[in-house]
Amino acid sequence: MMSIKITAPFYSLLLLLILFTTACRRNKTVSETDASVITPVTIAEVINKPVTETIELPAVSAFLNKSIVRSATSGTVENISIVPGEYVKKGQVLCTIRTREASAMNNSLIDDSTFTFKGRIDIISPTSGVINSISHQNGDFVQEGDEIAVISDQNSLVFILDTPFEFAKYVEKNRNCKIQLPGDQIINGNITGNLPEMDSQAQTVRYVIKPVFAGRLPANLNALVRIVKSSKDKAFVLPKSAVLSNETQTEFWVMKLINDSIAIKIPVKKGYENNEEVEITDPEFIQTDRIILTGSYGLPDTARVIVK
């Protein structure tokens, strides 16, 4: 009986042949499976429209003009008829000061109609505005020149815009802006100029913005000011969800339909973008191009799709 001796090289060659055959069959099965996968997608059209890129900077409201109402004589405060936050008109009586002389005299003489000296002096408002603060109350003794109240001139209300120095060039180009108040209310504003000194610690330039608003706004109101950074009359824009990227945000692309069932990968370059849309600066699309909006995540080049 003849015996066959199987050497180690033969075993190695046989093992490699088995592994190669298994891998080929597996790749064939995967390829056939991938080819049969059809991904449902939705599409978006490229929009050609004007776009405006803006920056948002913080601002705080303040009154530039405040009038300090002072006592015209020494005496006792009487009949205060105002409260903080109240709007007063020019010439309105704010309170009465009873002089020291009147207090020292007999009340019967003061009330005598034939006695011309009454010893009471009315303190009137020198301007129209809102009572910012009241320094005294009824019964307080004040000296001549003491502060009675502070009136803020509503017409002098402005927003102080703190602008980083590198953004000052954009503010200088604008004379109009949008002011977003708390509660998402947006009003117009006019940039009237900038203060001559910068904030030494924050290194910001302070601009004065006059709001175009018919109502009353308080001081120290925090707001956001939108400044136009750049604008284009014509730009190709896509919804933000249609633009894909790698993990490092260095490469961007879209999936474009070349027919009703095949989508190809198109590398793109982005321009202006916000939370909703992205400008595509390269390549130049046309408005009839169909770009996948949803369902494109993870799709390979030349993927099979079906439009919902």
Protein backbone atom coordinates (compact mmCIF):
# COMPACT_ATOMS: atom_id res chain seq x y z
CA MET A 1 0.00 0.00 0.00
CA MET A 2 1.43 3.30 -1.10
CA SER A 3 1.29 6.23 1.42
CA ILE A 4 1.16 9.88 0.49
CA LYS A 5 3.16 12.25 2.60
CA ILE A 6 1.61 15.72 2.95
CA THR A 7 4.13 18.40 3.73
CA ALA A 8 3.65 21.68 5.64
CA PRO A 9 3.88 23.88 2.48
CA PHE A 10 1.01 21.92 1.02
CA TYR A 11 -1.12 22.64 4.10
CA SER A 12 -0.34 26.34 3.82
CA LEU A 13 -1.24 26.47 0.14
CA LEU A 14 -4.52 24.64 0.76
CA LEU A 15 -5.45 27.02 3.60
CA LEU A 16 -4.78 30.11 1.44
CA LEU A 17 -6.93 28.69 -1.36
CA ILE A 18 -9.87 28.12 1.03
CA LEU A 19 -9.62 31.64 2.48
CA PHE A 20 -9.46 33.24 -0.98
CA THR A 21 -12.52 31.33 -2.19
CA THR A 22 -14.51 32.30 0.92
CA ALA A 23 -13.59 35.97 0.59
CA CYS A 24 -14.61 36.09 -3.07
CA ARG A 25 -17.97 34.57 -2.29
CA ARG A 26 -18.51 37.03 0.60
CA ASN A 27 -17.58 40.07 -1.52
CA LYS A 28 -19.89 38.90 -4.25
CA THR A 29 -22.75 38.52 -1.77
CA VAL A 30 -22.11 41.99 -0.28
CA SER A 31 -21.92 43.59 -3.73
CA GLU A 32 -25.17 42.01 -4.76
CA THR A 33 -26.80 43.17 -1.51
CA ASP A 34 -25.48 46.75 -1.89
CA ALA A 35 -26.70 46.91 -5.46
CA SER A 36 -30.17 45.98 -4.36
CA VAL A 37 -30.41 48.67 -1.65
CA ILE A 38 -32.59 51.62 -2.68
CA THR A 39 -32.70 54.54 -0.23
CA PRO A 40 -35.81 56.72 -0.03
CA VAL A 41 -34.91 60.43 -0.16
CA THR A 42 -36.45 63.85 -0.46
CA ILE A 43 -35.03 66.57 -2.68
CA ALA A 44 -34.51 70.31 -2.61
CA GLU A 45 -33.99 72.79 -5.39
CA VAL A 46 -31.16 75.29 -5.62
CA ILE A 47 -32.44 78.81 -4.94
CA ASN A 48 -30.85 81.85 -6.55
CA LYS A 49 -31.52 84.89 -4.36
CA PRO A 50 -29.89 87.88 -2.61
CA VAL A 51 -28.18 87.02 0.67
CA THR A 52 -26.98 89.15 3.54
CA GLU A 53 -24.43 88.04 6.14
CA THR A 54 -24.80 89.70 9.53
CA ILE A 55 -23.03 89.72 12.87
CA GLU A 56 -24.77 90.13 16.23
CA LEU A 57 -23.24 92.31 18.93
CA PRO A 58 -24.49 93.13 22.46
CA ALA A 59 -25.87 96.56 23.33
CA VAL A 60 -27.38 98.19 26.42
CA SER A 61 -29.90 101.06 26.52
CA ALA A 62 -29.03 104.27 28.35
CA PHE A 63 -30.28 107.84 28.71
CA LEU A 64 -27.78 110.42 27.48
CA ASN A 65 -29.62 113.33 29.12
CA LYS A 66 -30.72 113.34 32.74
CA SER A 67 -32.01 116.43 34.56
CA ILE A 68 -31.34 116.75 38.28
CA VAL A 69 -34.11 118.66 40.06
CA ARG A 70 -32.71 120.58 43.06
CA SER A 71 -34.26 122.46 45.94
CA ALA A 72 -34.47 126.22 45.41
CA THR A 73 -34.39 126.93 49.17
CA SER A 74 -33.85 125.35 52.56
CA GLY A 75 -36.92 123.90 54.18
CA THR A 76 -39.21 120.92 54.61
CA VAL A 77 -40.46 118.77 51.72
CA GLU A 78 -44.24 118.69 51.35
CA ASN A 79 -46.82 117.34 48.91
CA ILE A 80 -44.61 115.07 46.78
CA SER A 81 -46.90 114.18 43.88
CA ILE A 82 -44.61 111.95 41.81
CA VAL A 83 -43.35 108.35 41.91
CA PRO A 84 -40.39 106.67 40.15
CA GLY A 85 -41.25 105.63 36.61
CA GLU A 86 -43.92 108.30 36.20
CA TYR A 87 -43.87 110.43 33.05
CA VAL A 88 -43.96 114.16 33.81
CA LYS A 89 -44.30 117.19 31.57
CA LYS A 90 -42.19 120.31 31.55
CA GLY A 91 -43.52 122.82 34.10
CA GLN A 92 -45.39 120.19 36.13
CA VAL A 93 -45.26 120.64 39.94
CA LEU A 94 -43.24 117.87 41.53
CA CYS A 95 -43.39 118.87 45.19
CA THR A 96 -43.53 121.86 47.55
CA ILE A 97 -40.82 123.14 49.91
CA ARG A 98 -41.94 124.91 53.10
CA THR A 99 -39.19 127.35 54.00
CA ARG A 100 -37.50 127.57 57.38
CA GLU A 101 -38.91 131.06 57.80
CA ALA A 102 -42.43 129.79 57.27
CA SER A 103 -41.92 127.01 59.78
CA ALA A 104 -40.62 129.52 62.33
CA MET A 105 -43.59 131.85 61.91
CA ASN A 106 -47.00 131.45 63.40
CA ASN A 107 -49.24 129.28 61.21
CA SER A 108 -52.09 131.73 61.67
CA LEU A 109 -50.08 134.44 59.96
CA ILE A 110 -49.26 132.14 57.08
CA ASP A 111 -52.93 131.30 56.55
CA ASP A 112 -54.01 134.95 56.79
CA SER A 113 -55.21 136.05 53.34
CA THR A 114 -53.87 139.55 53.91
CA PHE A 115 -50.41 138.18 54.54
CA THR A 116 -48.69 137.90 51.16
CA PHE A 117 -45.76 135.73 52.25
CA LYS A 118 -46.88 132.12 52.24
CA GLY A 119 -43.47 130.49 52.73
CA ARG A 120 -44.10 127.65 50.27
CA ILE A 121 -42.20 127.23 47.02
CA ASP A 122 -43.31 124.87 44.24
CA ILE A 123 -40.56 122.73 42.62
CA ILE A 124 -41.42 122.28 38.96
CA SER A 125 -40.03 119.94 36.30
CA PRO A 126 -37.49 121.64 34.03
CA THR A 127 -38.14 119.16 31.21
CA SER A 128 -40.45 116.39 30.08
CA GLY A 129 -39.36 112.84 30.88
CA VAL A 130 -39.57 109.90 33.26
CA ILE A 131 -38.86 110.15 36.97
CA ASN A 132 -35.70 108.11 37.37
CA SER A 133 -35.32 108.50 41.14
CA ILE A 134 -36.61 110.52 44.11
CA SER A 135 -34.13 111.46 46.81
CA HIS A 136 -36.49 112.68 49.56
CA GLN A 137 -39.94 112.14 50.99
CA ASN A 138 -42.51 114.24 52.77
CA GLY A 139 -41.17 115.73 56.00
CA ASP A 140 -37.49 115.60 55.01
CA PHE A 141 -35.47 118.76 55.61
CA VAL A 142 -33.37 119.84 52.58
CA GLN A 143 -30.77 122.51 52.04
CA GLU A 144 -30.74 124.84 49.10
CA GLY A 145 -29.26 122.95 46.12
CA ASP A 146 -30.02 119.45 47.47
CA GLU A 147 -31.15 116.88 44.89
CA ILE A 148 -34.89 116.26 44.93
CA ALA A 149 -35.34 113.98 41.90
CA VAL A 150 -33.73 112.86 38.62
CA ILE A 151 -35.67 113.03 35.35
CA SER A 152 -34.56 110.99 32.33
CA ASP A 153 -35.23 112.52 28.94
CA GLN A 154 -37.00 109.86 26.86
CA ASN A 155 -35.86 111.48 23.64
CA SER A 156 -32.24 110.90 24.67
CA LEU A 157 -32.58 107.10 24.97
CA VAL A 158 -29.89 105.30 22.95
CA PHE A 159 -28.25 101.89 22.80
CA ILE A 160 -24.54 101.68 23.54
CA LEU A 161 -23.00 99.08 21.23
CA ASP A 162 -19.77 97.45 22.45
CA THR A 163 -17.90 96.36 19.32
CA PRO A 164 -14.67 94.34 19.24
CA PHE A 165 -12.04 96.37 17.44
CA GLU A 166 -11.78 93.87 14.57
CA PHE A 167 -15.51 94.29 13.84
CA ALA A 168 -15.46 98.09 13.92
CA LYS A 169 -14.85 98.21 10.14
CA TYR A 170 -18.22 96.56 9.55
CA VAL A 171 -20.05 98.96 11.86
CA GLU A 172 -18.44 101.93 10.10
CA LYS A 173 -19.97 100.81 6.79
CA ASN A 174 -23.49 100.85 8.22
CA ARG A 175 -25.76 103.72 9.15
CA ASN A 176 -28.82 101.57 9.79
CA CYS A 177 -29.18 98.37 11.79
CA LYS A 178 -31.69 96.05 13.45
CA ILE A 179 -32.08 95.90 17.23
CA GLN A 180 -33.46 92.68 18.71
CA LEU A 181 -35.14 93.31 22.05
CA PRO A 182 -35.95 90.65 24.66
CA GLY A 183 -38.94 88.64 23.50
CA ASP A 184 -37.64 88.64 19.89
CA GLN A 185 -39.12 92.05 19.11
CA ILE A 186 -37.04 93.73 16.39
CA ILE A 187 -36.87 97.48 15.84
CA ASN A 188 -34.81 99.69 13.54
CA GLY A 189 -31.88 101.76 14.70
CA ASN A 190 -29.61 104.52 13.35
CA ILE A 191 -25.89 104.48 14.15
CA THR A 192 -25.14 108.10 15.02
CA GLY A 193 -21.45 107.86 15.93
CA ASN A 194 -18.91 106.38 18.30
CA LEU A 195 -17.46 107.47 21.62
CA PRO A 196 -13.87 108.82 21.51
CA GLU A 197 -12.41 106.25 23.93
CA MET A 198 -12.24 102.46 23.89
CA ASP A 199 -12.84 100.13 26.82
CA SER A 200 -9.29 99.45 27.99
CA GLN A 201 -10.01 95.98 29.36
CA ALA A 202 -12.40 94.56 26.76
CA GLN A 203 -10.78 96.47 23.87
CA THR A 204 -14.13 97.38 22.40
CA VAL A 205 -15.26 100.48 20.54
CA ARG A 206 -18.51 102.00 21.77
CA TYR A 207 -21.05 103.16 19.20
CA VAL A 208 -24.22 105.13 19.87
CA ILE A 209 -27.42 103.83 18.23
CA LYS A 210 -30.64 105.82 18.19
CA PRO A 211 -33.67 103.48 18.19
CA VAL A 212 -36.56 104.19 15.83
CA PHE A 213 -39.34 103.36 18.27
CA ALA A 214 -42.48 105.22 19.28
CA GLY A 215 -42.89 103.50 22.65
CA ARG A 216 -41.02 103.88 25.92
CA LEU A 217 -37.96 101.78 26.68
CA PRO A 218 -36.15 101.59 30.03
CA ALA A 219 -32.45 102.08 30.64
CA ASN A 220 -30.10 99.09 31.10
CA LEU A 221 -32.11 96.98 28.62
CA ASN A 222 -29.94 94.28 27.04
CA ALA A 223 -30.35 93.83 23.30
CA LEU A 224 -28.62 92.36 20.25
CA VAL A 225 -27.70 94.58 17.32
CA ARG A 226 -27.47 93.03 13.85
CA ILE A 227 -24.82 94.59 11.64
CA VAL A 228 -24.54 93.78 7.94
CA LYS A 229 -21.15 92.18 7.29
CA SER A 230 -21.55 91.52 3.57
CA SER A 231 -24.29 91.14 0.97
CA LYS A 232 -24.73 89.68 -2.50
CA ASP A 233 -27.43 90.38 -5.05
CA LYS A 234 -27.29 86.82 -6.43
CA ALA A 235 -26.20 83.66 -4.64
CA PHE A 236 -26.92 79.93 -4.95
CA VAL A 237 -28.47 78.77 -1.69
CA LEU A 238 -29.36 75.34 -0.33
CA PRO A 239 -31.04 74.24 2.90
CA LYS A 240 -28.37 73.57 5.54
CA SER A 241 -29.41 69.93 5.97
CA ALA A 242 -28.60 69.24 2.31
CA VAL A 243 -24.86 69.92 2.80
CA LEU A 244 -22.82 67.07 4.33
CA SER A 245 -19.32 67.16 5.81
CA ASN A 246 -16.60 64.97 7.28
CA GLU A 247 -15.92 64.75 11.02
CA THR A 248 -13.33 67.54 10.97
CA GLN A 249 -15.55 69.93 9.00
CA THR A 250 -12.86 70.34 6.34
CA GLU A 251 -14.66 68.74 3.38
CA PHE A 252 -18.21 69.39 2.25
CA TRP A 253 -20.40 67.80 -0.40
CA VAL A 254 -23.96 67.30 -1.61
CA MET A 255 -25.70 64.35 -3.25
CA LYS A 256 -27.09 65.32 -6.63
CA LEU A 257 -29.57 63.30 -8.68
CA ILE A 258 -28.41 62.59 -12.23
CA ASN A 259 -31.67 60.77 -12.98
CA ASP A 260 -34.65 59.50 -11.04
CA SER A 261 -32.71 56.69 -9.33
CA ILE A 262 -28.97 57.54 -9.14
CA ALA A 263 -27.32 60.13 -6.89
CA ILE A 264 -23.69 61.19 -7.17
CA LYS A 265 -21.41 62.92 -4.70
CA ILE A 266 -20.50 66.54 -5.59
CA PRO A 267 -17.80 68.33 -3.51
CA VAL A 268 -18.79 71.94 -2.74
CA LYS A 269 -17.38 75.09 -1.20
CA LYS A 270 -19.48 77.10 1.23
CA GLY A 271 -19.89 80.84 1.61
CA TYR A 272 -22.40 82.62 3.81
CA GLU A 273 -24.52 80.41 6.09
CA ASN A 274 -26.97 80.69 8.96
CA ASN A 275 -29.08 78.24 10.92
CA GLU A 276 -31.31 77.49 7.95
CA GLU A 277 -29.40 77.88 4.68
CA VAL A 278 -25.94 77.72 3.10
CA GLU A 279 -24.51 79.59 0.14
CA ILE A 280 -22.69 77.38 -2.39
CA THR A 281 -19.83 79.26 -4.03
CA ASP A 282 -18.45 76.33 -6.06
CA PRO A 283 -19.51 74.59 -8.26
CA GLU A 284 -22.17 76.70 -9.92
CA PHE A 285 -25.49 74.89 -9.85
CA ILE A 286 -28.61 75.69 -11.85
CA GLN A 287 -32.10 75.97 -10.45
CA THR A 288 -33.25 72.76 -12.12
CA ASP A 289 -30.61 70.68 -10.27
CA ARG A 290 -32.10 68.27 -7.75
CA ILE A 291 -30.17 67.96 -4.49
CA ILE A 292 -31.00 65.37 -1.84
CA LEU A 293 -32.40 67.03 1.26
CA THR A 294 -33.08 64.06 3.57
CA GLY A 295 -31.84 60.49 3.39
CA SER A 296 -28.38 61.35 2.06
CA TYR A 297 -26.42 60.60 5.25
CA GLY A 298 -23.99 57.73 4.65
CA LEU A 299 -24.84 57.36 0.96
CA PRO A 300 -21.89 56.35 -1.26
CA ASP A 301 -21.16 57.87 -4.66
CA THR A 302 -23.57 56.65 -7.39
CA ALA A 303 -26.05 55.41 -4.79
CA ARG A 304 -29.44 54.06 -5.81
CA VAL A 305 -32.31 56.12 -4.45
CA ILE A 306 -36.01 56.61 -4.81
CA VAL A 307 -37.60 60.03 -4.45
CA LYS A 308 -40.49 60.14 -2.02
